[in-house]
């Protein structure tokens, strides 16, 4: 395996800490036009579970079952765990596809191949092949497939015949998520920490949400899960694993199993049985995500009879990248931290990282949230690090994200003031970043967070810090 690691090291370690989105092309424009305009809103029967997604994939020959898959669900850390798993597998010499959601800046981020977004021309070619099946499913009475169902079909079809492993991140939940059409018995399920989010869809308690996440457990298969702090969550996952005959292994994400140090130069971790390791992603919570990903890869290696190599582990963890997670950019000559944290659990991880990298500092925050998020809980979390909240909002129909409603900036500012925070309103995101930078110490960054929609609005034209 050492030869594989040496052969990969030059390419993998030269990956930038933040990968810029690919430039627009005719192929990408065709894909976006179809997904965001021509398809129109989802129509047809509701409450049908996975029937429509299964019908669409069956019409394509069930590409989701043509390669071994790692299926990742949870509330926080799904994207990070997914890219850590993919990077670790690549470092061991495998061809890997990763289907991520949501994307931060460009739709192509959802279709990762060989460590980067798939070429637009390849995505476009797969979509053109899929379009007749989309129309056939609607004619058959299943209703019009959703944006997410079609992007699933693109990813599954892209990976079939091209990868050794596919890493698939759920969209929302698990049980009824359209990625849960994977039927292979050797699917490995991975559950990241679970908390409250998407309560309008998944349930109002952590137990109800955990039951949805556990829906990805393969019958007679294997799963690894972050050891929950909540006894309710642990009981739900244990019971569902037993019901499905799924071998569930728990992974401790904190000390003493995982020790971490985060500073201005990044995050280092110390795992039992390994030398100190540098992560490509920043934050103490990323140490736990890396540990969970490594346990998943160890389970795959044991099942498929190959050996986990220490040099490949070092390389894989160090070369992992993911846009929109503690991403440093220069905007107007000022360092700006872009992070897509959009619920209290993810914001708490961001705040913890800020407190480690900038101890004792209070920073200006530019904040926008999608409607339905717990605004008051979000403000409670960020309050210890917020010198000022510049409330803003994002467009709901521009760019290449599906439409989403933004909380009015005035509502965010009012809630922040009620919490005792200084707050101002700047409805235009670019102006919000400029105003925040005017209130920041020159040695401290502006924090932009709350939604990937917001990040996509302010990032174009920036440079890495």
Protein backbone atom coordinates (compact mmCIF):
# COMPACT_ATOMS: atom_id res chain seq x y z
CA UNK A 1 0.00 0.00 0.00
CA UNK A 2 2.93 2.34 0.58
CA UNK A 3 3.53 2.60 -3.17
CA UNK A 4 -0.08 3.69 -3.67
CA UNK A 5 0.27 6.36 -1.00
CA UNK A 6 3.49 7.72 -2.50
CA UNK A 7 1.95 7.80 -5.96
CA UNK A 8 -1.03 9.80 -4.68
CA UNK A 9 0.78 12.13 -2.30
CA UNK A 10 1.82 14.81 -4.76
CA UNK A 11 -1.66 15.25 -6.19
CA UNK A 12 -3.64 14.89 -2.98
CA UNK A 13 -1.54 17.12 -0.77
CA UNK A 14 -1.49 19.89 -3.35
CA UNK A 15 -5.27 20.28 -3.18
CA UNK A 16 -6.13 23.79 -2.03
CA UNK A 17 -7.73 24.27 1.36
CA UNK A 18 -10.80 25.62 -0.41
CA UNK A 19 -11.71 24.58 -3.92
CA UNK A 20 -13.15 27.33 -6.10
CA UNK A 21 -16.38 26.49 -7.95
CA UNK A 22 -15.95 25.58 -11.61
CA UNK A 23 -16.70 28.34 -14.10
CA UNK A 24 -20.07 28.32 -15.80
CA UNK A 25 -20.31 26.40 -19.05
CA UNK A 26 -22.95 25.61 -21.65
CA UNK A 27 -23.27 22.11 -20.18
CA UNK A 28 -23.74 23.40 -16.63
CA UNK A 29 -26.23 26.00 -17.86
CA UNK A 30 -28.30 23.23 -19.51
CA UNK A 31 -28.32 21.21 -16.31
CA UNK A 32 -29.38 24.18 -14.19
CA UNK A 33 -32.03 25.27 -16.66
CA UNK A 34 -33.61 21.83 -16.60
CA UNK A 35 -33.44 21.30 -12.82
CA UNK A 36 -34.49 24.78 -11.75
CA UNK A 37 -36.77 25.90 -14.58
CA UNK A 38 -37.97 23.21 -16.97
CA UNK A 39 -38.84 20.59 -14.35
CA UNK A 40 -40.93 23.01 -12.38
CA UNK A 41 -42.21 22.21 -8.90
CA UNK A 42 -42.71 18.65 -7.75
CA UNK A 43 -46.23 17.46 -8.50
CA UNK A 44 -48.31 14.36 -7.91
CA UNK A 45 -49.19 12.16 -4.95
CA UNK A 46 -47.74 12.89 -1.54
CA UNK A 47 -47.02 10.45 1.25
CA UNK A 48 -45.89 7.81 -1.25
CA UNK A 49 -42.58 7.26 0.51
CA UNK A 50 -39.86 6.04 -1.82
CA UNK A 51 -42.16 4.75 -4.57
CA UNK A 52 -41.40 7.54 -7.04
CA UNK A 53 -37.64 7.44 -6.43
CA UNK A 54 -37.62 3.66 -6.79
CA UNK A 55 -39.60 3.89 -10.03
CA UNK A 56 -37.17 6.44 -11.46
CA UNK A 57 -34.10 4.39 -10.57
CA UNK A 58 -35.70 1.15 -11.76
CA UNK A 59 -36.22 2.77 -15.16
CA UNK A 60 -32.46 3.44 -15.20
CA UNK A 61 -31.47 -0.10 -14.24
CA UNK A 62 -31.02 0.59 -10.51
CA UNK A 63 -27.58 2.22 -10.74
CA UNK A 64 -27.54 2.81 -6.96
CA UNK A 65 -26.90 -0.91 -6.42
CA UNK A 66 -24.00 -1.33 -8.83
CA UNK A 67 -21.18 -0.48 -6.38
CA UNK A 68 -20.57 -0.81 -2.61
CA UNK A 69 -21.96 2.22 -0.78
CA UNK A 70 -21.33 4.08 2.45
CA UNK A 71 -24.61 5.76 3.42
CA UNK A 72 -24.32 8.71 5.84
CA UNK A 73 -27.17 10.21 7.90
CA UNK A 74 -27.36 12.42 10.99
CA UNK A 75 -28.01 16.01 12.04
CA UNK A 76 -24.48 17.45 12.18
CA UNK A 77 -21.31 16.42 10.40
CA UNK A 78 -22.79 14.41 7.52
CA UNK A 79 -20.90 16.33 4.83
CA UNK A 80 -17.62 16.31 6.75
CA UNK A 81 -17.81 12.58 7.54
CA UNK A 82 -18.69 11.86 3.92
CA UNK A 83 -15.67 13.70 2.52
CA UNK A 84 -13.35 12.24 5.16
CA UNK A 85 -14.51 8.73 4.17
CA UNK A 86 -14.09 9.50 0.47
CA UNK A 87 -10.63 11.00 0.99
CA UNK A 88 -9.47 8.06 3.11
CA UNK A 89 -10.66 5.58 0.48
CA UNK A 90 -8.95 7.56 -2.28
CA UNK A 91 -5.72 7.62 -0.30
CA UNK A 92 -5.87 3.81 -0.29
CA UNK A 93 -5.91 3.81 -4.08
CA UNK A 94 -9.64 3.40 -4.80
CA UNK A 95 -11.82 5.26 -7.29
CA UNK A 96 -14.48 6.98 -5.20
CA UNK A 97 -17.66 8.90 -5.92
CA UNK A 98 -19.31 11.09 -3.27
CA UNK A 99 -22.84 12.45 -3.51
CA UNK A 100 -23.12 15.47 -1.19
CA UNK A 101 -25.99 17.79 -0.33
CA UNK A 102 -26.57 20.60 -0.15
CA UNK A 103 -23.89 22.25 -2.24
CA UNK A 104 -22.28 25.47 -1.10
CA UNK A 105 -21.51 27.33 -4.34
CA UNK A 106 -22.01 25.19 -7.42
CA UNK A 107 -24.35 22.33 -8.22
CA UNK A 108 -21.42 20.21 -9.42
CA UNK A 109 -20.20 19.93 -5.81
CA UNK A 110 -22.97 17.37 -5.34
CA UNK A 111 -21.25 14.95 -7.71
CA UNK A 112 -17.71 14.34 -6.45
CA UNK A 113 -15.39 12.10 -8.47
CA UNK A 114 -11.65 11.69 -7.92
CA UNK A 115 -11.77 14.24 -5.09
CA UNK A 116 -13.42 17.09 -7.00
CA UNK A 117 -16.67 18.06 -8.72
CA UNK A 118 -17.52 15.94 -11.76
CA UNK A 119 -17.09 17.69 -15.13
CA UNK A 120 -20.18 19.59 -16.20
CA UNK A 121 -20.17 17.80 -19.56
CA UNK A 122 -20.36 14.41 -17.83
CA UNK A 123 -23.18 15.52 -15.53
CA UNK A 124 -25.05 16.96 -18.52
CA UNK A 125 -24.64 13.73 -20.50
CA UNK A 126 -26.07 11.68 -17.62
CA UNK A 127 -28.98 14.09 -17.20
CA UNK A 128 -29.89 13.88 -20.88
CA UNK A 129 -29.97 10.10 -20.51
CA UNK A 130 -32.15 10.37 -17.40
CA UNK A 131 -34.70 12.88 -18.73
CA UNK A 132 -36.86 10.33 -20.61
CA UNK A 133 -37.14 8.25 -17.44
CA UNK A 134 -38.21 11.34 -15.47
CA UNK A 135 -41.00 11.96 -17.98
CA UNK A 136 -42.01 8.27 -17.97
CA UNK A 137 -42.30 8.21 -14.17
CA UNK A 138 -44.60 11.21 -14.25
CA UNK A 139 -46.75 9.70 -17.02
CA UNK A 140 -47.04 6.49 -15.00
CA UNK A 141 -48.83 8.40 -12.25
CA UNK A 142 -46.03 8.68 -9.70
CA UNK A 143 -45.92 12.45 -10.03
CA UNK A 144 -43.08 14.68 -11.13
CA UNK A 145 -39.77 13.75 -9.48
CA UNK A 146 -38.24 16.34 -7.19
CA UNK A 147 -34.99 18.24 -7.65
CA UNK A 148 -33.35 15.98 -5.06
CA UNK A 149 -34.63 12.76 -6.62
CA UNK A 150 -33.23 13.74 -9.99
CA UNK A 151 -29.86 14.80 -8.57
CA UNK A 152 -29.76 11.41 -6.77
CA UNK A 153 -30.35 9.69 -10.10
CA UNK A 154 -27.57 11.71 -11.73
CA UNK A 155 -25.10 10.80 -8.98
CA UNK A 156 -26.01 7.12 -8.90
CA UNK A 157 -25.74 6.87 -12.67
CA UNK A 158 -22.44 8.78 -12.75
CA UNK A 159 -20.88 6.42 -10.26
CA UNK A 160 -22.13 3.15 -11.76
CA UNK A 161 -19.26 1.48 -13.62
CA UNK A 162 -16.84 4.30 -12.70
CA UNK A 163 -16.11 3.90 -8.97
CA UNK A 164 -15.01 1.23 -6.51
CA UNK A 165 -17.02 2.84 -3.69
CA UNK A 166 -19.78 5.42 -3.48
CA UNK A 167 -20.23 7.67 -0.43
CA UNK A 168 -23.81 8.88 -0.27
CA UNK A 169 -24.99 11.65 2.06
CA UNK A 170 -28.69 11.75 2.88
CA UNK A 171 -30.64 14.91 2.21
CA UNK A 172 -33.19 15.05 5.05
CA UNK A 173 -33.76 12.24 7.53
CA UNK A 174 -33.04 8.78 6.25
CA UNK A 175 -36.01 6.41 6.26
CA UNK A 176 -37.90 8.26 3.53
CA UNK A 177 -34.93 10.08 2.00
CA UNK A 178 -34.65 9.16 -1.67
CA UNK A 179 -31.04 8.08 -1.19
CA UNK A 180 -32.48 5.21 0.89
CA UNK A 181 -33.26 3.34 -2.32
CA UNK A 182 -29.87 1.60 -1.97
CA UNK A 183 -30.78 -2.05 -1.43
CA UNK A 184 -27.40 -3.79 -1.38
CA UNK A 185 -26.94 -5.95 1.72
CA UNK A 186 -23.33 -4.83 2.03
CA UNK A 187 -24.22 -1.15 2.39
CA UNK A 188 -22.46 0.38 5.39
CA UNK A 189 -24.64 2.87 7.27
CA UNK A 190 -22.98 5.71 9.20
CA UNK A 191 -24.87 7.85 11.73
CA UNK A 192 -23.39 11.18 12.82
CA UNK A 193 -24.55 13.09 15.95
CA UNK A 194 -28.31 13.60 16.09
CA UNK A 195 -30.16 16.70 17.28
CA UNK A 196 -33.22 18.80 16.45
CA UNK A 197 -33.52 19.96 12.84
CA UNK A 198 -36.10 19.75 10.05
CA UNK A 199 -38.71 19.19 12.75
CA UNK A 200 -41.52 19.99 10.34
CA UNK A 201 -40.56 16.84 8.42
CA UNK A 202 -38.86 14.49 10.87
CA UNK A 203 -40.62 14.96 14.21
CA UNK A 204 -40.55 17.23 17.21
CA UNK A 205 -38.34 15.13 19.51
CA UNK A 206 -34.82 13.76 19.16
CA UNK A 207 -36.25 10.23 19.51
CA UNK A 208 -38.55 10.75 16.52
CA UNK A 209 -35.69 12.23 14.49
CA UNK A 210 -33.37 9.37 15.48
CA UNK A 211 -35.97 6.87 14.25
CA UNK A 212 -35.91 8.55 10.84
CA UNK A 213 -32.09 8.53 10.71
CA UNK A 214 -32.00 4.84 11.70
CA UNK A 215 -34.12 4.10 8.66
CA UNK A 216 -30.92 3.71 6.62
CA UNK A 217 -29.75 0.67 8.64
CA UNK A 218 -29.34 -2.25 6.21
CA UNK A 219 -31.23 -5.45 7.08
CA UNK A 220 -28.65 -8.01 8.13
CA UNK A 221 -25.88 -5.50 7.42
CA UNK A 222 -23.59 -3.26 9.43
CA UNK A 223 -23.62 0.30 10.77
CA UNK A 224 -21.36 2.57 12.80
CA UNK A 225 -22.74 5.48 14.78
CA UNK A 226 -21.51 8.35 16.91
CA UNK A 227 -22.20 7.39 20.53
CA UNK A 228 -25.16 9.63 21.51
CA UNK A 229 -25.21 11.81 24.59
CA UNK A 230 -28.96 11.25 24.78
CA UNK A 231 -30.16 7.94 26.20
CA UNK A 232 -33.33 8.36 24.12
CA UNK A 233 -31.33 8.46 20.88
CA UNK A 234 -29.18 5.50 21.92
CA UNK A 235 -32.26 3.44 22.76
CA UNK A 236 -33.92 4.23 19.44
CA UNK A 237 -30.83 3.37 17.37
CA UNK A 238 -30.17 0.19 19.35
CA UNK A 239 -33.76 -0.99 19.00
CA UNK A 240 -33.94 -0.28 15.29
CA UNK A 241 -30.62 -2.02 14.65
CA UNK A 242 -31.86 -5.09 16.56
CA UNK A 243 -35.14 -5.10 14.65
CA UNK A 244 -33.29 -5.10 11.34
CA UNK A 245 -30.60 -7.54 12.42
CA UNK A 246 -27.99 -4.85 11.77
CA UNK A 247 -24.63 -5.04 13.55
CA UNK A 248 -24.29 -1.58 15.13
CA UNK A 249 -20.93 -0.35 16.42
CA UNK A 250 -20.63 2.75 18.60
CA UNK A 251 -17.85 5.30 18.07
CA UNK A 252 -16.76 7.71 20.82
CA UNK A 253 -16.05 11.13 19.33
CA UNK A 254 -14.56 12.87 22.33
CA UNK A 255 -11.75 12.35 24.83
CA UNK A 256 -10.12 10.09 25.76
CA UNK A 257 -10.77 8.31 22.44
CA UNK A 258 -10.12 11.51 20.48
CA UNK A 259 -7.92 14.39 21.60
CA UNK A 260 -7.65 17.52 19.48
CA UNK A 261 -6.01 20.92 19.35
CA UNK A 262 -7.23 23.73 17.13
CA UNK A 263 -5.25 26.90 16.48
CA UNK A 264 -4.79 29.48 13.72
CA UNK A 265 -2.93 26.93 11.60
CA UNK A 266 -5.62 24.23 11.76
CA UNK A 267 -6.63 21.17 13.76
CA UNK A 268 -4.41 18.32 14.93
CA UNK A 269 -5.78 15.13 16.46
CA UNK A 270 -4.38 12.25 18.43
CA UNK A 271 -6.17 8.91 18.12
CA UNK A 272 -5.26 5.81 20.02
CA UNK A 273 -2.96 3.69 17.88
CA UNK A 274 -1.99 6.57 15.55
CA UNK A 275 0.69 9.29 15.57
CA UNK A 276 -0.51 12.94 15.65
CA UNK A 277 -2.55 13.74 12.54
CA UNK A 278 -3.35 17.04 10.82
CA UNK A 279 -6.87 17.49 9.43
CA UNK A 280 -7.80 19.26 6.22
CA UNK A 281 -10.91 20.62 7.96
CA UNK A 282 -10.74 22.95 10.96
CA UNK A 283 -12.44 22.47 14.33
CA UNK A 284 -12.53 20.19 17.36
CA UNK A 285 -15.80 18.73 16.06
CA UNK A 286 -13.94 17.76 12.88
CA UNK A 287 -11.72 15.53 15.00
CA UNK A 288 -14.79 13.53 15.97
CA UNK A 289 -15.97 13.46 12.37
CA UNK A 290 -12.57 12.17 11.28
CA UNK A 291 -12.67 9.44 13.94
CA UNK A 292 -16.12 8.31 12.82
CA UNK A 293 -14.99 8.28 9.17
CA UNK A 294 -11.90 6.26 10.03
CA UNK A 295 -13.98 3.67 11.87
CA UNK A 296 -16.23 3.40 8.81
CA UNK A 297 -13.22 2.83 6.56
CA UNK A 298 -11.82 0.25 8.98
CA UNK A 299 -15.15 -1.61 8.79
CA UNK A 300 -15.04 -1.56 4.98
CA UNK A 301 -11.45 -2.79 4.91
CA UNK A 302 -12.25 -5.68 7.26
CA UNK A 303 -15.27 -6.65 5.16
CA UNK A 304 -13.47 -6.38 1.82
CA UNK A 305 -10.18 -7.90 2.96
CA UNK A 306 -7.75 -5.03 2.49
CA UNK A 307 -5.47 -3.36 5.01
CA UNK A 308 -5.78 0.15 6.44
CA UNK A 309 -2.40 1.84 5.93
CA UNK A 310 -1.12 4.43 8.41
CA UNK A 311 0.43 6.62 5.70
CA UNK A 312 -2.81 6.56 3.72
CA UNK A 313 -4.75 7.58 6.83
CA UNK A 314 -2.42 10.54 7.36
CA UNK A 315 -2.71 11.57 3.73
CA UNK A 316 -6.47 11.07 3.51
CA UNK A 317 -7.28 13.13 6.60
CA UNK A 318 -4.87 15.93 5.69
CA UNK A 319 -6.10 16.31 2.10
CA UNK A 320 -9.84 16.41 2.91
CA UNK A 321 -11.63 19.54 1.69
CA UNK A 322 -15.23 20.76 1.90
CA UNK A 323 -16.42 24.22 0.78
CA UNK A 324 -18.32 26.41 3.21
CA UNK A 325 -16.94 24.93 6.43
CA UNK A 326 -14.75 27.40 8.37
CA UNK A 327 -13.59 28.67 5.01
CA UNK A 328 -11.28 31.67 5.09
CA UNK A 329 -11.70 34.17 2.23
CA UNK A 330 -10.59 37.75 1.56
CA UNK A 331 -13.47 40.15 0.93
CA UNK A 332 -12.53 43.78 0.45
CA UNK A 333 -9.08 43.00 1.81
CA UNK A 334 -10.50 41.63 5.09
CA UNK A 335 -10.42 38.04 6.27
CA UNK A 336 -13.92 36.59 6.26
CA UNK A 337 -14.97 33.21 7.63
CA UNK A 338 -17.68 31.53 5.59
CA UNK A 339 -19.51 28.67 7.31
CA UNK A 340 -22.83 27.15 6.26
CA UNK A 341 -23.88 26.22 9.82
CA UNK A 342 -27.66 26.56 9.81
CA UNK A 343 -28.98 24.99 13.01
CA UNK A 344 -28.04 25.40 16.68
CA UNK A 345 -26.02 22.16 16.76
CA UNK A 346 -23.85 23.19 13.80
CA UNK A 347 -23.57 26.78 14.99
CA UNK A 348 -22.38 25.52 18.38
CA UNK A 349 -19.54 23.66 16.65
CA UNK A 350 -18.63 26.82 14.73
CA UNK A 351 -18.67 28.92 17.91
CA UNK A 352 -16.46 26.40 19.71
CA UNK A 353 -13.94 26.60 16.88
CA UNK A 354 -14.00 30.41 16.90
CA UNK A 355 -13.34 30.41 20.63
CA UNK A 356 -10.32 28.15 20.16
CA UNK A 357 -8.83 30.02 17.21
CA UNK A 358 -9.65 33.52 18.54
CA UNK A 359 -9.83 33.07 22.34
CA UNK A 360 -11.79 35.78 24.13
CA UNK A 361 -12.62 37.64 20.91
CA UNK A 362 -16.04 39.03 20.02
CA UNK A 363 -16.59 39.15 16.28
CA UNK A 364 -19.04 40.77 13.87
CA UNK A 365 -21.50 38.23 12.45
CA UNK A 366 -23.37 38.49 9.15
CA UNK A 367 -26.39 36.26 9.63
CA UNK A 368 -29.20 35.03 7.39
CA UNK A 369 -31.40 32.00 7.93
CA UNK A 370 -33.89 29.98 5.97
CA UNK A 371 -37.44 30.16 7.29
CA UNK A 372 -38.29 27.33 9.64
CA UNK A 373 -34.95 27.45 11.47
CA UNK A 374 -34.91 28.14 15.22
CA UNK A 375 -33.84 31.78 15.14
CA UNK A 376 -33.86 32.34 18.89
CA UNK A 377 -31.82 29.20 19.58
CA UNK A 378 -29.33 30.21 16.89
CA UNK A 379 -28.85 33.65 18.46
CA UNK A 380 -28.44 32.09 21.91
CA UNK A 381 -25.59 29.96 20.56
CA UNK A 382 -23.69 32.73 18.78
CA UNK A 383 -24.17 35.38 21.49
CA UNK A 384 -20.91 34.68 23.39
CA UNK A 385 -18.83 35.47 20.30
CA UNK A 386 -20.96 38.18 18.66
CA UNK A 387 -19.91 41.82 18.97
CA UNK A 388 -22.46 42.79 16.33
CA UNK A 389 -25.09 40.99 14.28
CA UNK A 390 -25.56 42.38 10.78
CA UNK A 391 -28.88 40.87 9.78
CA UNK A 392 -29.33 40.19 6.10
CA UNK A 393 -31.29 37.95 3.74
CA UNK A 394 -30.63 35.98 0.58
CA UNK A 395 -32.40 35.85 -2.76
CA UNK A 396 -34.61 32.78 -3.13
CA UNK A 397 -34.59 32.30 -6.87
CA UNK A 398 -31.12 33.29 -8.04
CA UNK A 399 -28.08 31.10 -8.56
CA UNK A 400 -28.19 27.32 -8.72
CA UNK A 401 -29.86 26.49 -5.39
CA UNK A 402 -33.52 25.44 -5.27
CA UNK A 403 -35.75 28.29 -4.08
CA UNK A 404 -35.89 28.76 -0.31
CA UNK A 405 -37.53 31.45 1.79
CA UNK A 406 -35.25 33.70 3.83
CA UNK A 407 -36.16 35.04 7.24
CA UNK A 408 -36.59 38.83 6.85
CA UNK A 409 -33.51 40.70 8.02
CA UNK A 410 -35.65 42.94 10.21
CA UNK A 411 -36.94 39.88 12.08
CA UNK A 412 -33.40 38.61 12.71
CA UNK A 413 -32.28 42.03 13.99
CA UNK A 414 -35.28 42.37 16.27
CA UNK A 415 -34.70 38.93 17.79
CA UNK A 416 -30.99 39.71 18.25
CA UNK A 417 -31.78 42.94 20.11
CA UNK A 418 -34.25 41.08 22.32
CA UNK A 419 -31.36 38.75 23.17
CA UNK A 420 -29.28 41.80 24.19
CA UNK A 421 -27.08 41.84 21.10
CA UNK A 422 -26.19 44.90 19.06
CA UNK A 423 -27.82 44.44 15.65
CA UNK A 424 -28.27 46.35 12.40
CA UNK A 425 -30.10 45.56 9.18
CA UNK A 426 -28.48 45.34 5.74
CA UNK A 427 -30.75 43.46 3.36
CA UNK A 428 -28.11 43.24 0.62
CA UNK A 429 -25.56 40.56 1.65
CA UNK A 430 -22.54 42.25 0.06
CA UNK A 431 -23.35 45.47 1.90
CA UNK A 432 -23.83 43.46 5.09
CA UNK A 433 -20.29 42.07 4.85
CA UNK A 434 -18.89 45.56 4.19
CA UNK A 435 -20.74 47.00 7.17
CA UNK A 436 -19.59 44.16 9.42
CA UNK A 437 -15.96 44.68 8.38
CA UNK A 438 -16.19 48.32 9.44
CA UNK A 439 -16.94 47.17 12.99
CA UNK A 440 -14.19 44.55 13.17
CA UNK A 441 -10.75 44.75 14.69
CA UNK A 442 -8.26 44.54 11.82
CA UNK A 443 -6.79 41.36 13.30
CA UNK A 444 -10.16 39.61 13.55
CA UNK A 445 -12.39 38.16 10.82
CA UNK A 446 -15.99 38.77 9.89
CA UNK A 447 -18.14 35.63 10.33
CA UNK A 448 -20.74 34.92 7.64
CA UNK A 449 -23.10 32.08 8.49
CA UNK A 450 -26.63 30.73 8.73
CA UNK A 451 -27.19 29.41 5.20
CA UNK A 452 -25.32 28.12 2.18
CA UNK A 453 -27.57 30.44 0.15
CA UNK A 454 -25.94 33.39 1.92
CA UNK A 455 -22.44 32.01 1.35
CA UNK A 456 -23.13 31.57 -2.36
CA UNK A 457 -24.20 35.20 -2.57
CA UNK A 458 -21.12 36.74 -0.93
CA UNK A 459 -18.30 34.39 -2.06
CA UNK A 460 -18.01 34.95 -5.86
CA UNK A 461 -14.91 36.96 -6.79
CA UNK A 462 -13.21 36.43 -3.42
CA UNK A 463 -9.75 34.93 -2.92
CA UNK A 464 -8.46 32.46 -0.36
CA UNK A 465 -7.14 34.07 2.83
